[in-house]
Amino acid sequence: MTTELFTALNVAAQIIAFEIRAQAPSQKIANSISVKPVMTSEMDSEIEVNFEVNYGDKIYGLFLDFGTMAERETERGEWNPNPGKGKGGIKPRFFTTPSEATILRVMELIEEAYLKQETERIEEELANL
């Protein structure tokens, strides 16, 4: 991985963290949120990038994010800043769901860095022929 791709992944994580912190239900939770890129490699050499959200020492952020008991959701939904009062649990806010605009911005940033990395690799291979 080139320095440029590494930097792009970390900048993307910061962009996501900034938005998630702005959507957090409290400043304490916002201050404890961190996001880091996690890369996995598949057998056919494709690389997948995910972003791991950590609630820090404010683990109750998870309960506000996905809800509790009868209101608990296992699938991520759209950000809901005003979920209302739950019946038999806390309704989910999904505050760690980034907006479509942020997702597109992050994808573009990573794609540009990855394409540059691959272009440089191909040019180097061609130069060595």
N, C-alpha and C. Protein backbone atom coordinates (compact mmCIF):
# COMPACT_ATOMS: atom_id res chain seq x y z
N MET A 1 0.85 -1.17 0.00
CA MET A 1 0.00 0.00 0.00
C MET A 1 0.90 1.24 0.00
N THR A 2 0.57 2.15 -0.88
CA THR A 2 1.35 3.38 -0.97
C THR A 2 0.99 4.33 0.16
N THR A 3 1.85 5.28 0.38
CA THR A 3 1.61 6.31 1.39
C THR A 3 0.36 7.10 1.05
N GLU A 4 0.14 7.33 -0.24
CA GLU A 4 -1.02 8.10 -0.67
C GLU A 4 -2.33 7.37 -0.35
N LEU A 5 -2.37 6.06 -0.58
CA LEU A 5 -3.57 5.29 -0.27
C LEU A 5 -3.78 5.22 1.25
N PHE A 6 -2.70 5.02 1.98
CA PHE A 6 -2.77 5.00 3.45
C PHE A 6 -3.33 6.33 3.97
N THR A 7 -2.83 7.42 3.42
CA THR A 7 -3.31 8.75 3.82
C THR A 7 -4.78 8.94 3.45
N ALA A 8 -5.16 8.51 2.26
CA ALA A 8 -6.56 8.64 1.82
C ALA A 8 -7.50 7.87 2.74
N LEU A 9 -7.11 6.67 3.16
CA LEU A 9 -7.94 5.89 4.06
C LEU A 9 -8.10 6.58 5.40
N ASN A 10 -7.02 7.14 5.91
CA ASN A 10 -7.11 7.84 7.20
C ASN A 10 -7.89 9.14 7.10
N VAL A 11 -7.77 9.85 6.00
CA VAL A 11 -8.56 11.07 5.78
C VAL A 11 -10.04 10.69 5.68
N ALA A 12 -10.34 9.60 4.97
CA ALA A 12 -11.71 9.13 4.86
C ALA A 12 -12.29 8.80 6.23
N ALA A 13 -11.50 8.16 7.08
CA ALA A 13 -11.95 7.83 8.44
C ALA A 13 -12.23 9.11 9.23
N GLN A 14 -11.41 10.13 9.04
CA GLN A 14 -11.64 11.41 9.73
C GLN A 14 -12.91 12.09 9.23
N ILE A 15 -13.17 12.01 7.93
CA ILE A 15 -14.38 12.60 7.37
C ILE A 15 -15.62 11.93 7.96
N ILE A 16 -15.59 10.60 8.02
CA ILE A 16 -16.71 9.86 8.59
C ILE A 16 -16.86 10.18 10.07
N ALA A 17 -15.75 10.21 10.80
CA ALA A 17 -15.81 10.51 12.23
C ALA A 17 -16.38 11.90 12.48
N PHE A 18 -16.00 12.86 11.67
CA PHE A 18 -16.51 14.23 11.83
C PHE A 18 -18.03 14.26 11.71
N GLU A 19 -18.55 13.57 10.68
CA GLU A 19 -20.00 13.56 10.50
C GLU A 19 -20.71 12.81 11.63
N ILE A 20 -20.16 11.66 12.02
CA ILE A 20 -20.77 10.88 13.10
C ILE A 20 -20.78 11.68 14.40
N ARG A 21 -19.69 12.36 14.68
CA ARG A 21 -19.64 13.18 15.90
C ARG A 21 -20.70 14.28 15.87
N ALA A 22 -20.92 14.86 14.70
CA ALA A 22 -21.94 15.91 14.57
C ALA A 22 -23.34 15.34 14.78
N GLN A 23 -23.55 14.08 14.46
CA GLN A 23 -24.85 13.43 14.60
C GLN A 23 -25.06 12.79 15.97
N ALA A 24 -24.01 12.70 16.77
CA ALA A 24 -24.09 12.01 18.07
C ALA A 24 -25.13 12.68 18.97
N PRO A 25 -25.83 11.88 19.78
CA PRO A 25 -26.88 12.42 20.64
C PRO A 25 -26.39 13.25 21.82
N SER A 26 -25.10 13.17 22.14
CA SER A 26 -24.55 14.00 23.22
C SER A 26 -23.09 14.32 22.92
N GLN A 27 -22.59 15.38 23.55
CA GLN A 27 -21.20 15.76 23.35
C GLN A 27 -20.25 14.73 23.96
N LYS A 28 -20.66 14.10 25.06
CA LYS A 28 -19.82 13.06 25.68
C LYS A 28 -19.61 11.90 24.72
N ILE A 29 -20.69 11.47 24.07
CA ILE A 29 -20.56 10.39 23.09
C ILE A 29 -19.74 10.86 21.89
N ALA A 30 -20.00 12.05 21.41
CA ALA A 30 -19.26 12.59 20.27
C ALA A 30 -17.76 12.62 20.55
N ASN A 31 -17.38 13.04 21.74
CA ASN A 31 -15.96 13.12 22.09
C ASN A 31 -15.29 11.76 22.20
N SER A 32 -16.08 10.70 22.42
CA SER A 32 -15.48 9.37 22.60
C SER A 32 -15.42 8.57 21.30
N ILE A 33 -16.08 9.04 20.25
CA ILE A 33 -16.15 8.32 18.97
C ILE A 33 -14.82 8.39 18.23
N SER A 34 -14.42 7.23 17.70
CA SER A 34 -13.27 7.19 16.79
C SER A 34 -13.62 6.25 15.64
N VAL A 35 -13.00 6.48 14.51
CA VAL A 35 -13.23 5.67 13.32
C VAL A 35 -11.88 5.31 12.74
N LYS A 36 -11.73 4.03 12.37
CA LYS A 36 -10.48 3.63 11.73
C LYS A 36 -10.77 2.74 10.53
N PRO A 37 -9.94 2.85 9.50
CA PRO A 37 -10.12 1.99 8.33
C PRO A 37 -9.61 0.59 8.62
N VAL A 38 -10.34 -0.40 8.13
CA VAL A 38 -9.94 -1.80 8.28
C VAL A 38 -9.97 -2.42 6.90
N MET A 39 -8.82 -2.89 6.46
CA MET A 39 -8.72 -3.50 5.14
C MET A 39 -8.67 -5.01 5.27
N THR A 40 -9.43 -5.68 4.40
CA THR A 40 -9.39 -7.13 4.34
C THR A 40 -9.05 -7.52 2.91
N SER A 41 -8.36 -8.60 2.77
CA SER A 41 -7.98 -9.07 1.44
C SER A 41 -8.69 -10.39 1.17
N GLU A 42 -9.34 -10.47 0.04
CA GLU A 42 -10.03 -11.68 -0.37
C GLU A 42 -9.03 -12.59 -1.10
N MET A 43 -9.45 -13.82 -1.32
CA MET A 43 -8.55 -14.79 -1.96
C MET A 43 -8.16 -14.38 -3.38
N ASP A 44 -9.05 -13.71 -4.09
CA ASP A 44 -8.74 -13.30 -5.46
C ASP A 44 -8.04 -11.95 -5.50
N SER A 45 -7.42 -11.59 -4.41
CA SER A 45 -6.59 -10.39 -4.25
C SER A 45 -7.37 -9.07 -4.28
N GLU A 46 -8.71 -9.14 -4.21
CA GLU A 46 -9.46 -7.90 -4.09
C GLU A 46 -9.36 -7.42 -2.65
N ILE A 47 -9.30 -6.11 -2.51
CA ILE A 47 -9.20 -5.51 -1.18
C ILE A 47 -10.52 -4.86 -0.85
N GLU A 48 -10.99 -5.10 0.35
CA GLU A 48 -12.22 -4.49 0.83
C GLU A 48 -11.87 -3.58 2.00
N VAL A 49 -12.44 -2.40 2.01
CA VAL A 49 -12.19 -1.44 3.08
C VAL A 49 -13.49 -1.21 3.83
N ASN A 50 -13.43 -1.35 5.14
CA ASN A 50 -14.55 -1.02 6.01
C ASN A 50 -14.05 0.00 7.03
N PHE A 51 -14.98 0.68 7.64
CA PHE A 51 -14.61 1.66 8.65
C PHE A 51 -15.23 1.23 9.97
N GLU A 52 -14.37 1.01 10.95
CA GLU A 52 -14.80 0.53 12.27
C GLU A 52 -15.04 1.72 13.19
N VAL A 53 -16.25 1.78 13.75
CA VAL A 53 -16.61 2.83 14.69
C VAL A 53 -16.42 2.31 16.10
N ASN A 54 -15.71 3.09 16.90
CA ASN A 54 -15.49 2.73 18.30
C ASN A 54 -16.14 3.79 19.17
N TYR A 55 -16.91 3.34 20.15
CA TYR A 55 -17.61 4.25 21.06
C TYR A 55 -16.76 4.69 22.24
N GLY A 56 -15.52 4.22 22.30
CA GLY A 56 -14.64 4.59 23.40
C GLY A 56 -15.19 4.12 24.73
N ASP A 57 -15.08 4.95 25.75
CA ASP A 57 -15.57 4.57 27.08
C ASP A 57 -17.06 4.85 27.24
N LYS A 58 -17.72 5.31 26.18
CA LYS A 58 -19.17 5.60 26.23
C LYS A 58 -19.92 4.50 25.46
N ILE A 59 -19.79 3.26 25.96
CA ILE A 59 -20.38 2.11 25.29
C ILE A 59 -21.90 2.22 25.18
N TYR A 60 -22.51 3.03 26.04
CA TYR A 60 -23.95 3.20 25.94
C TYR A 60 -24.35 3.87 24.62
N GLY A 61 -23.39 4.44 23.92
CA GLY A 61 -23.65 4.98 22.59
C GLY A 61 -24.18 3.90 21.65
N LEU A 62 -23.71 2.67 21.84
CA LEU A 62 -24.19 1.54 21.05
C LEU A 62 -25.69 1.35 21.24
N PHE A 63 -26.17 1.51 22.48
CA PHE A 63 -27.60 1.33 22.76
C PHE A 63 -28.43 2.45 22.13
N LEU A 64 -27.88 3.66 22.12
CA LEU A 64 -28.59 4.77 21.48
C LEU A 64 -28.54 4.64 19.95
N ASP A 65 -27.48 4.02 19.46
CA ASP A 65 -27.31 3.85 18.02
C ASP A 65 -28.27 2.79 17.47
N PHE A 66 -28.32 1.61 18.08
CA PHE A 66 -29.12 0.50 17.56
C PHE A 66 -30.38 0.21 18.36
N GLY A 67 -30.57 0.90 19.47
CA GLY A 67 -31.76 0.67 20.28
C GLY A 67 -31.54 -0.47 21.28
N THR A 68 -32.57 -0.71 22.11
CA THR A 68 -32.49 -1.77 23.11
C THR A 68 -33.79 -2.57 23.13
N MET A 69 -33.70 -3.73 23.69
CA MET A 69 -34.82 -4.65 23.93
C MET A 69 -35.75 -4.75 22.72
N ALA A 70 -37.03 -4.48 22.90
CA ALA A 70 -38.02 -4.65 21.82
C ALA A 70 -37.76 -3.71 20.65
N GLU A 71 -37.06 -2.61 20.88
CA GLU A 71 -36.79 -1.62 19.83
C GLU A 71 -35.48 -1.89 19.10
N ARG A 72 -34.68 -2.84 19.57
CA ARG A 72 -33.35 -3.11 19.02
C ARG A 72 -33.43 -3.52 17.55
N GLU A 73 -32.54 -2.96 16.76
CA GLU A 73 -32.41 -3.30 15.35
C GLU A 73 -31.05 -3.93 15.12
N THR A 74 -30.99 -4.90 14.24
CA THR A 74 -29.70 -5.52 13.92
C THR A 74 -29.14 -4.98 12.61
N GLU A 75 -30.01 -4.48 11.75
CA GLU A 75 -29.58 -3.89 10.49
C GLU A 75 -29.50 -2.37 10.64
N ARG A 76 -28.46 -1.80 10.06
CA ARG A 76 -28.28 -0.35 10.12
C ARG A 76 -29.34 0.36 9.30
N GLY A 77 -29.87 1.43 9.85
CA GLY A 77 -30.85 2.24 9.15
C GLY A 77 -30.31 3.64 8.92
N GLU A 78 -31.15 4.51 8.39
CA GLU A 78 -30.77 5.90 8.18
C GLU A 78 -30.77 6.65 9.50
N TRP A 79 -29.93 7.68 9.59
CA TRP A 79 -29.84 8.50 10.79
C TRP A 79 -31.22 9.05 11.13
N ASN A 80 -31.60 8.90 12.39
CA ASN A 80 -32.89 9.37 12.88
C ASN A 80 -32.65 10.22 14.12
N PRO A 81 -32.51 11.54 13.96
CA PRO A 81 -32.16 12.39 15.09
C PRO A 81 -33.24 12.48 16.17
N ASN A 82 -34.49 12.21 15.82
CA ASN A 82 -35.59 12.29 16.78
C ASN A 82 -36.43 11.02 16.73
N PRO A 83 -35.93 9.93 17.33
CA PRO A 83 -36.64 8.66 17.23
C PRO A 83 -37.92 8.57 18.05
N GLY A 84 -38.10 9.48 18.97
CA GLY A 84 -39.29 9.42 19.82
C GLY A 84 -39.12 8.43 20.97
N LYS A 85 -40.16 8.30 21.74
CA LYS A 85 -40.13 7.43 22.91
C LYS A 85 -40.40 6.00 22.49
N GLY A 86 -39.56 5.10 22.95
CA GLY A 86 -39.73 3.69 22.63
C GLY A 86 -40.73 3.01 23.54
N LYS A 87 -41.25 1.91 23.07
CA LYS A 87 -42.17 1.10 23.87
C LYS A 87 -41.45 -0.21 24.15
N GLY A 88 -40.95 -0.34 25.36
CA GLY A 88 -40.22 -1.55 25.72
C GLY A 88 -38.75 -1.48 25.35
N GLY A 89 -38.19 -0.29 25.25
CA GLY A 89 -36.77 -0.13 24.94
C GLY A 89 -36.49 1.23 24.34
N ILE A 90 -35.22 1.46 24.06
CA ILE A 90 -34.79 2.71 23.43
C ILE A 90 -34.88 2.54 21.93
N LYS A 91 -35.50 3.49 21.24
CA LYS A 91 -35.57 3.45 19.78
C LYS A 91 -34.20 3.82 19.20
N PRO A 92 -33.81 3.15 18.12
CA PRO A 92 -32.49 3.43 17.54
C PRO A 92 -32.43 4.79 16.84
N ARG A 93 -31.25 5.41 16.92
CA ARG A 93 -31.00 6.68 16.23
C ARG A 93 -30.16 6.48 14.97
N PHE A 94 -29.38 5.41 14.95
CA PHE A 94 -28.46 5.15 13.84
C PHE A 94 -27.55 6.34 13.56
N PHE A 95 -27.07 6.96 14.64
CA PHE A 95 -26.26 8.17 14.47
C PHE A 95 -24.89 7.89 13.86
N THR A 96 -24.47 6.62 13.82
CA THR A 96 -23.19 6.32 13.18
C THR A 96 -23.34 5.98 11.70
N THR A 97 -24.53 6.25 11.15
CA THR A 97 -24.75 6.05 9.72
C THR A 97 -24.38 7.34 8.99
N PRO A 98 -23.34 7.29 8.16
CA PRO A 98 -22.97 8.49 7.41
C PRO A 98 -23.98 8.78 6.29
N SER A 99 -24.04 10.01 5.87
CA SER A 99 -24.94 10.41 4.79
C SER A 99 -24.44 9.85 3.46
N GLU A 100 -25.33 9.81 2.49
CA GLU A 100 -24.97 9.35 1.15
C GLU A 100 -23.87 10.24 0.56
N ALA A 101 -23.94 11.54 0.81
CA ALA A 101 -22.92 12.47 0.29
C ALA A 101 -21.54 12.14 0.87
N THR A 102 -21.49 11.82 2.15
CA THR A 102 -20.22 11.47 2.78
C THR A 102 -19.69 10.16 2.23
N ILE A 103 -20.58 9.19 2.05
CA ILE A 103 -20.16 7.90 1.49
C ILE A 103 -19.57 8.09 0.10
N LEU A 104 -20.23 8.88 -0.73
CA LEU A 104 -19.73 9.14 -2.09
C LEU A 104 -18.39 9.87 -2.06
N ARG A 105 -18.26 10.83 -1.17
CA ARG A 105 -17.00 11.58 -1.04
C ARG A 105 -15.86 10.66 -0.64
N VAL A 106 -16.12 9.79 0.32
CA VAL A 106 -15.10 8.85 0.81
C VAL A 106 -14.73 7.86 -0.30
N MET A 107 -15.73 7.34 -0.99
CA MET A 107 -15.46 6.40 -2.08
C MET A 107 -14.61 7.03 -3.18
N GLU A 108 -14.91 8.27 -3.50
CA GLU A 108 -14.14 8.98 -4.53
C GLU A 108 -12.70 9.19 -4.08
N LEU A 109 -12.52 9.58 -2.84
CA LEU A 109 -11.18 9.81 -2.29
C LEU A 109 -10.34 8.54 -2.35
N ILE A 110 -10.92 7.43 -1.93
CA ILE A 110 -10.21 6.16 -1.92
C ILE A 110 -9.95 5.68 -3.34
N GLU A 111 -10.95 5.82 -4.20
CA GLU A 111 -10.80 5.39 -5.59
C GLU A 111 -9.66 6.14 -6.28
N GLU A 112 -9.58 7.43 -6.09
CA GLU A 112 -8.51 8.22 -6.70
C GLU A 112 -7.14 7.75 -6.24
N ALA A 113 -7.00 7.53 -4.94
CA ALA A 113 -5.71 7.08 -4.39
C ALA A 113 -5.37 5.68 -4.89
N TYR A 114 -6.38 4.81 -4.93
CA TYR A 114 -6.15 3.43 -5.39
C TYR A 114 -5.76 3.40 -6.86
N LEU A 115 -6.47 4.18 -7.68
CA LEU A 115 -6.15 4.22 -9.10
C LEU A 115 -4.74 4.76 -9.35
N LYS A 116 -4.36 5.76 -8.57
CA LYS A 116 -3.00 6.29 -8.70
C LYS A 116 -1.97 5.23 -8.33
N GLN A 117 -2.25 4.50 -7.26
CA GLN A 117 -1.35 3.44 -6.82
C GLN A 117 -1.21 2.37 -7.90
N GLU A 118 -2.33 1.94 -8.47
CA GLU A 118 -2.30 0.90 -9.49
C GLU A 118 -1.65 1.39 -10.78
N THR A 119 -1.87 2.64 -11.14
CA THR A 119 -1.24 3.21 -12.32
C THR A 119 0.28 3.21 -12.15
N GLU A 120 0.74 3.62 -10.98
CA GLU A 120 2.19 3.62 -10.72
C GLU A 120 2.76 2.21 -10.76
N ARG A 121 2.01 1.23 -10.23
CA ARG A 121 2.47 -0.16 -10.23
C ARG A 121 2.58 -0.68 -11.66
N ILE A 122 1.57 -0.39 -12.48
CA ILE A 122 1.58 -0.86 -13.87
C ILE A 122 2.70 -0.19 -14.65
N GLU A 123 2.90 1.11 -14.45
CA GLU A 123 3.98 1.82 -15.13
C GLU A 123 5.35 1.25 -14.75
N GLU A 124 5.50 0.89 -13.47
CA GLU A 124 6.76 0.30 -13.01
C GLU A 124 6.97 -1.07 -13.64
N GLU A 125 5.90 -1.87 -13.73
CA GLU A 125 6.02 -3.19 -14.35
C GLU A 125 6.38 -3.06 -15.82
N LEU A 126 5.76 -2.11 -16.52
CA LEU A 126 6.06 -1.91 -17.93
C LEU A 126 7.49 -1.43 -18.14
N ALA A 127 7.98 -0.61 -17.23
CA ALA A 127 9.35 -0.11 -17.33
C ALA A 127 10.37 -1.25 -17.14
N ASN A 128 9.98 -2.27 -16.41
CA ASN A 128 10.89 -3.38 -16.13
C ASN A 128 10.82 -4.48 -17.17
N LEU A 129 10.01 -4.31 -18.23
CA LEU A 129 9.93 -5.33 -19.29
C LEU A 129 11.12 -5.32 -20.19
